[in-house]
Amino acid sequence: MIKQSQVVRYLDQCTDNDSIDEVLGAYVICKFLNGAKCAQVLTKIHHLVCYLSLTDRGHIVEIGQEAFKSLAIEVSSGAQRVGTRPALTKPGIGIWNVIRSKRSFHQRLHSTITDASGGPGALSSFL
Protein backbone atom coordinates (compact mmCIF):
# COMPACT_ATOMS: atom_id res chain seq x y z
CA MET A 1 0.00 0.00 0.00
CA ILE A 2 2.66 2.52 0.99
CA LYS A 3 5.97 2.36 -0.80
CA GLN A 4 9.35 3.44 0.46
CA SER A 5 9.40 6.49 -1.82
CA GLN A 6 6.10 7.70 -0.35
CA VAL A 7 7.37 7.25 3.19
CA VAL A 8 10.49 9.25 2.35
CA ARG A 9 8.32 12.14 1.15
CA TYR A 10 6.61 12.21 4.54
CA LEU A 11 9.91 11.80 6.39
CA ASP A 12 11.25 14.82 4.49
CA GLN A 13 8.53 16.87 6.20
CA CYS A 14 9.51 15.67 9.68
CA THR A 15 11.43 17.96 11.98
CA ASP A 16 11.51 16.01 15.23
CA ASN A 17 11.62 12.50 16.66
CA ASP A 18 7.87 12.37 17.35
CA SER A 19 6.85 13.06 13.76
CA ILE A 20 9.39 10.53 12.49
CA ASP A 21 8.00 7.98 14.96
CA GLU A 22 4.46 8.55 13.66
CA VAL A 23 5.49 8.14 10.03
CA LEU A 24 7.58 5.04 10.74
CA GLY A 25 4.78 3.53 12.80
CA ALA A 26 2.37 4.00 9.91
CA TYR A 27 4.87 2.42 7.51
CA VAL A 28 5.30 -0.60 9.79
CA ILE A 29 1.55 -1.05 10.23
CA CYS A 30 1.14 -0.87 6.47
CA LYS A 31 3.69 -3.64 6.01
CA PHE A 32 1.89 -5.81 8.57
CA LEU A 33 -1.44 -5.16 6.85
CA ASN A 34 0.15 -6.42 3.64
CA GLY A 35 1.01 -9.68 5.39
CA ALA A 36 4.69 -9.17 6.21
CA LYS A 37 6.25 -10.99 9.15
CA CYS A 38 8.33 -9.26 11.83
CA ALA A 39 11.63 -10.24 10.22
CA GLN A 40 10.49 -8.86 6.86
CA VAL A 41 9.42 -5.58 8.47
CA LEU A 42 12.78 -5.26 10.20
CA THR A 43 14.45 -5.76 6.83
CA LYS A 44 12.25 -3.02 5.35
CA ILE A 45 13.24 -0.65 8.17
CA HIS A 46 16.91 -1.46 7.53
CA HIS A 47 16.48 -0.82 3.80
CA LEU A 48 14.78 2.48 4.58
CA VAL A 49 17.70 3.56 6.78
CA CYS A 50 20.15 2.59 4.02
CA TYR A 51 18.13 4.48 1.42
CA LEU A 52 17.95 7.59 3.60
CA SER A 53 21.70 7.48 4.18
CA LEU A 54 22.51 7.00 0.50
CA THR A 55 20.25 9.82 -0.68
CA ASP A 56 21.74 12.50 1.58
CA ARG A 57 18.92 12.25 4.08
CA GLY A 58 21.07 10.99 6.92
CA HIS A 59 19.86 13.89 9.04
CA ILE A 60 16.45 12.17 9.22
CA VAL A 61 18.10 9.07 10.68
CA GLU A 62 20.04 11.23 13.14
CA ILE A 63 16.98 13.20 14.26
CA GLY A 64 14.84 10.06 14.50
CA GLN A 65 17.50 7.77 15.90
CA GLU A 66 15.42 7.07 18.99
CA ALA A 67 12.32 6.39 16.87
CA PHE A 68 14.17 3.95 14.63
CA LYS A 69 15.64 2.12 17.63
CA SER A 70 12.42 1.88 19.61
CA LEU A 71 10.44 0.80 16.57
CA ALA A 72 12.96 -1.91 15.69
CA ILE A 73 12.87 -3.20 19.26
CA GLU A 74 9.08 -3.16 19.28
CA VAL A 75 8.83 -5.01 15.95
CA SER A 76 11.37 -7.61 17.02
CA SER A 77 9.34 -8.28 20.16
CA GLY A 78 6.07 -8.83 18.30
CA ALA A 79 4.87 -5.30 17.44
CA GLN A 80 1.97 -5.28 19.88
CA ARG A 81 2.01 -1.50 20.42
CA VAL A 82 3.10 -0.16 17.05
CA GLY A 83 0.70 2.43 15.70
CA THR A 84 -1.39 2.73 18.85
CA ARG A 85 -0.41 6.33 19.58
CA PRO A 86 -2.56 8.90 17.76
CA ALA A 87 -0.92 10.92 15.01
CA LEU A 88 -0.60 14.57 16.00
CA THR A 89 1.88 15.96 13.47
CA LYS A 90 1.15 16.98 9.91
CA PRO A 91 3.29 14.23 8.29
CA GLY A 92 1.88 11.62 10.66
CA ILE A 93 -1.71 12.58 9.96
CA GLY A 94 -1.00 12.70 6.24
CA ILE A 95 0.45 9.21 5.98
CA TRP A 96 -2.25 7.69 8.19
CA ASN A 97 -4.92 9.26 5.98
CA VAL A 98 -3.30 7.71 2.92
CA ILE A 99 -3.24 4.30 4.60
CA ARG A 100 -6.87 4.61 5.68
CA SER A 101 -8.05 5.61 2.22
CA LYS A 102 -6.11 2.86 0.47
CA ARG A 103 -7.20 0.30 3.06
CA SER A 104 -10.87 1.21 2.78
CA PHE A 105 -10.67 1.04 -1.03
CA HIS A 106 -8.99 -2.37 -0.78
CA GLN A 107 -11.67 -3.60 1.63
CA ARG A 108 -14.47 -2.36 -0.65
CA LEU A 109 -12.82 -4.04 -3.60
CA HIS A 110 -12.58 -7.42 -1.91
CA SER A 111 -15.67 -7.41 0.29
CA THR A 112 -18.57 -9.77 -0.24
CA ILE A 113 -21.78 -8.00 -1.12
CA THR A 114 -24.92 -9.60 0.24
CA ASP A 115 -28.55 -8.63 0.59
CA ALA A 116 -30.47 -8.39 3.88
CA SER A 117 -31.03 -12.16 4.03
CA GLY A 118 -27.35 -12.95 3.57
CA GLY A 119 -27.73 -14.11 -0.01
CA PRO A 120 -25.84 -12.68 -2.95
CA GLY A 121 -26.45 -8.99 -3.52
CA ALA A 122 -28.13 -7.47 -6.52
CA LEU A 123 -26.01 -6.95 -9.62
CA SER A 124 -26.34 -3.17 -9.28
CA SER A 125 -24.56 -3.28 -5.91
CA PHE A 126 -21.44 -4.64 -7.61
CA LEU A 127 -21.24 -1.67 -9.98
C-alpha atoms as a PDB file:
ATOM      1  CA  MET A   1       0.000   0.000   0.000  1.00  0.00           C
ATOM      2  CA  ILE A   2       2.661   2.525   0.990  1.00  0.00           C
ATOM      3  CA  LYS A   3       5.969   2.364  -0.803  1.00  0.00           C
ATOM      4  CA  GLN A   4       9.350   3.440   0.457  1.00  0.00           C
ATOM      5  CA  SER A   5       9.402   6.486  -1.817  1.00  0.00           C
ATOM      6  CA  GLN A   6       6.103   7.697  -0.355  1.00  0.00           C
ATOM      7  CA  VAL A   7       7.374   7.252   3.193  1.00  0.00           C
ATOM      8  CA  VAL A   8      10.490   9.245   2.352  1.00  0.00           C
ATOM      9  CA  ARG A   9       8.323  12.142   1.155  1.00  0.00           C
ATOM     10  CA  TYR A  10       6.608  12.215   4.539  1.00  0.00           C
ATOM     11  CA  LEU A  11       9.908  11.800   6.388  1.00  0.00           C
ATOM     12  CA  ASP A  12      11.253  14.819   4.488  1.00  0.00           C
ATOM     13  CA  GLN A  13       8.529  16.868   6.198  1.00  0.00           C
ATOM     14  CA  CYS A  14       9.508  15.671   9.680  1.00  0.00           C
ATOM     15  CA  THR A  15      11.431  17.964  11.979  1.00  0.00           C
ATOM     16  CA  ASP A  16      11.507  16.005  15.233  1.00  0.00           C
ATOM     17  CA  ASN A  17      11.618  12.500  16.658  1.00  0.00           C
ATOM     18  CA  ASP A  18       7.868  12.373  17.348  1.00  0.00           C
ATOM     19  CA  SER A  19       6.852  13.062  13.762  1.00  0.00           C
ATOM     20  CA  ILE A  20       9.386  10.527  12.488  1.00  0.00           C
ATOM     21  CA  ASP A  21       8.003   7.984  14.960  1.00  0.00           C
ATOM     22  CA  GLU A  22       4.464   8.546  13.664  1.00  0.00           C
ATOM     23  CA  VAL A  23       5.488   8.139  10.026  1.00  0.00           C
ATOM     24  CA  LEU A  24       7.581   5.041  10.735  1.00  0.00           C
ATOM     25  CA  GLY A  25       4.780   3.534  12.801  1.00  0.00           C
ATOM     26  CA  ALA A  26       2.370   3.998   9.913  1.00  0.00           C
ATOM     27  CA  TYR A  27       4.872   2.422   7.507  1.00  0.00           C
ATOM     28  CA  VAL A  28       5.299  -0.597   9.788  1.00  0.00           C
ATOM     29  CA  ILE A  29       1.550  -1.054  10.228  1.00  0.00           C
ATOM     30  CA  CYS A  30       1.138  -0.865   6.469  1.00  0.00           C
ATOM     31  CA  LYS A  31       3.691  -3.639   6.015  1.00  0.00           C
ATOM     32  CA  PHE A  32       1.891  -5.810   8.567  1.00  0.00           C
ATOM     33  CA  LEU A  33      -1.443  -5.158   6.846  1.00  0.00           C
ATOM     34  CA  ASN A  34       0.147  -6.421   3.637  1.00  0.00           C
ATOM     35  CA  GLY A  35       1.011  -9.680   5.394  1.00  0.00           C
ATOM     36  CA  ALA A  36       4.687  -9.172   6.210  1.00  0.00           C
ATOM     37  CA  LYS A  37       6.254 -10.989   9.146  1.00  0.00           C
ATOM     38  CA  CYS A  38       8.329  -9.259  11.828  1.00  0.00           C
ATOM     39  CA  ALA A  39      11.631 -10.245  10.216  1.00  0.00           C
ATOM     40  CA  GLN A  40      10.492  -8.859   6.864  1.00  0.00           C
ATOM     41  CA  VAL A  41       9.422  -5.585   8.469  1.00  0.00           C
ATOM     42  CA  LEU A  42      12.784  -5.263  10.205  1.00  0.00           C
ATOM     43  CA  THR A  43      14.454  -5.755   6.833  1.00  0.00           C
ATOM     44  CA  LYS A  44      12.250  -3.019   5.351  1.00  0.00           C
ATOM     45  CA  ILE A  45      13.243  -0.650   8.168  1.00  0.00           C
ATOM     46  CA  HIS A  46      16.908  -1.455   7.528  1.00  0.00           C
ATOM     47  CA  HIS A  47      16.479  -0.817   3.797  1.00  0.00           C
ATOM     48  CA  LEU A  48      14.778   2.480   4.576  1.00  0.00           C
ATOM     49  CA  VAL A  49      17.697   3.564   6.777  1.00  0.00           C
ATOM     50  CA  CYS A  50      20.155   2.595   4.025  1.00  0.00           C
ATOM     51  CA  TYR A  51      18.129   4.485   1.422  1.00  0.00           C
ATOM     52  CA  LEU A  52      17.954   7.591   3.600  1.00  0.00           C
ATOM     53  CA  SER A  53      21.699   7.479   4.180  1.00  0.00           C
ATOM     54  CA  LEU A  54      22.511   6.999   0.502  1.00  0.00           C
ATOM     55  CA  THR A  55      20.253   9.816  -0.682  1.00  0.00           C
ATOM     56  CA  ASP A  56      21.741  12.504   1.576  1.00  0.00           C
ATOM     57  CA  ARG A  57      18.916  12.249   4.083  1.00  0.00           C
ATOM     58  CA  GLY A  58      21.072  10.992   6.917  1.00  0.00           C
ATOM     59  CA  HIS A  59      19.857  13.889   9.040  1.00  0.00           C
ATOM     60  CA  ILE A  60      16.455  12.166   9.216  1.00  0.00           C
ATOM     61  CA  VAL A  61      18.098   9.071  10.685  1.00  0.00           C
ATOM     62  CA  GLU A  62      20.043  11.226  13.140  1.00  0.00           C
ATOM     63  CA  ILE A  63      16.984  13.196  14.261  1.00  0.00           C
ATOM     64  CA  GLY A  64      14.844  10.064  14.504  1.00  0.00           C
ATOM     65  CA  GLN A  65      17.502   7.770  15.899  1.00  0.00           C
ATOM     66  CA  GLU A  66      15.416   7.074  18.989  1.00  0.00           C
ATOM     67  CA  ALA A  67      12.317   6.394  16.871  1.00  0.00           C
ATOM     68  CA  PHE A  68      14.171   3.951  14.625  1.00  0.00           C
ATOM     69  CA  LYS A  69      15.640   2.124  17.633  1.00  0.00           C
ATOM     70  CA  SER A  70      12.420   1.878  19.610  1.00  0.00           C
ATOM     71  CA  LEU A  71      10.439   0.796  16.570  1.00  0.00           C
ATOM     72  CA  ALA A  72      12.962  -1.907  15.686  1.00  0.00           C
ATOM     73  CA  ILE A  73      12.870  -3.202  19.256  1.00  0.00           C
ATOM     74  CA  GLU A  74       9.078  -3.163  19.279  1.00  0.00           C
ATOM     75  CA  VAL A  75       8.826  -5.005  15.947  1.00  0.00           C
ATOM     76  CA  SER A  76      11.373  -7.609  17.018  1.00  0.00           C
ATOM     77  CA  SER A  77       9.342  -8.284  20.159  1.00  0.00           C
ATOM     78  CA  GLY A  78       6.071  -8.829  18.295  1.00  0.00           C
ATOM     79  CA  ALA A  79       4.870  -5.299  17.443  1.00  0.00           C
ATOM     80  CA  GLN A  80       1.968  -5.280  19.881  1.00  0.00           C
ATOM     81  CA  ARG A  81       2.011  -1.504  20.423  1.00  0.00           C
ATOM     82  CA  VAL A  82       3.105  -0.155  17.050  1.00  0.00           C
ATOM     83  CA  GLY A  83       0.703   2.431  15.698  1.00  0.00           C
ATOM     84  CA  THR A  84      -1.392   2.729  18.855  1.00  0.00           C
ATOM     85  CA  ARG A  85      -0.412   6.325  19.577  1.00  0.00           C
ATOM     86  CA  PRO A  86      -2.563   8.898  17.762  1.00  0.00           C
ATOM     87  CA  ALA A  87      -0.919  10.917  15.014  1.00  0.00           C
ATOM     88  CA  LEU A  88      -0.603  14.567  15.998  1.00  0.00           C
ATOM     89  CA  THR A  89       1.880  15.957  13.470  1.00  0.00           C
ATOM     90  CA  LYS A  90       1.151  16.983   9.907  1.00  0.00           C
ATOM     91  CA  PRO A  91       3.290  14.232   8.286  1.00  0.00           C
ATOM     92  CA  GLY A  92       1.882  11.616  10.664  1.00  0.00           C
ATOM     93  CA  ILE A  93      -1.711  12.578   9.963  1.00  0.00           C
ATOM     94  CA  GLY A  94      -1.001  12.703   6.242  1.00  0.00           C
ATOM     95  CA  ILE A  95       0.449   9.210   5.976  1.00  0.00           C
ATOM     96  CA  TRP A  96      -2.253   7.694   8.194  1.00  0.00           C
ATOM     97  CA  ASN A  97      -4.922   9.262   5.981  1.00  0.00           C
ATOM     98  CA  VAL A  98      -3.297   7.710   2.918  1.00  0.00           C
ATOM     99  CA  ILE A  99      -3.240   4.304   4.597  1.00  0.00           C
ATOM    100  CA  ARG A 100      -6.875   4.609   5.675  1.00  0.00           C
ATOM    101  CA  SER A 101      -8.052   5.611   2.217  1.00  0.00           C
ATOM    102  CA  LYS A 102      -6.108   2.856   0.472  1.00  0.00           C
ATOM    103  CA  ARG A 103      -7.197   0.304   3.056  1.00  0.00           C
ATOM    104  CA  SER A 104     -10.873   1.205   2.784  1.00  0.00           C
ATOM    105  CA  PHE A 105     -10.672   1.036  -1.032  1.00  0.00           C
ATOM    106  CA  HIS A 106      -8.993  -2.369  -0.782  1.00  0.00           C
ATOM    107  CA  GLN A 107     -11.672  -3.598   1.625  1.00  0.00           C
ATOM    108  CA  ARG A 108     -14.471  -2.364  -0.647  1.00  0.00           C
ATOM    109  CA  LEU A 109     -12.822  -4.037  -3.605  1.00  0.00           C
ATOM    110  CA  HIS A 110     -12.580  -7.421  -1.915  1.00  0.00           C
ATOM    111  CA  SER A 111     -15.665  -7.406   0.287  1.00  0.00           C
ATOM    112  CA  THR A 112     -18.566  -9.769  -0.238  1.00  0.00           C
ATOM    113  CA  ILE A 113     -21.780  -8.002  -1.125  1.00  0.00           C
ATOM    114  CA  THR A 114     -24.920  -9.600   0.241  1.00  0.00           C
ATOM    115  CA  ASP A 115     -28.551  -8.628   0.586  1.00  0.00           C
ATOM    116  CA  ALA A 116     -30.465  -8.395   3.878  1.00  0.00           C
ATOM    117  CA  SER A 117     -31.034 -12.160   4.031  1.00  0.00           C
ATOM    118  CA  GLY A 118     -27.347 -12.952   3.574  1.00  0.00           C
ATOM    119  CA  GLY A 119     -27.729 -14.109  -0.012  1.00  0.00           C
ATOM    120  CA  PRO A 120     -25.837 -12.680  -2.955  1.00  0.00           C
ATOM    121  CA  GLY A 121     -26.452  -8.994  -3.518  1.00  0.00           C
ATOM    122  CA  ALA A 122     -28.127  -7.471  -6.524  1.00  0.00           C
ATOM    123  CA  LEU A 123     -26.006  -6.953  -9.620  1.00  0.00           C
ATOM    124  CA  SER A 124     -26.344  -3.175  -9.278  1.00  0.00           C
ATOM    125  CA  SER A 125     -24.562  -3.281  -5.914  1.00  0.00           C
ATOM    126  CA  PHE A 126     -21.435  -4.639  -7.608  1.00  0.00           C
ATOM    127  CA  LEU A 127     -21.242  -1.673  -9.977  1.00  0.00           C
END
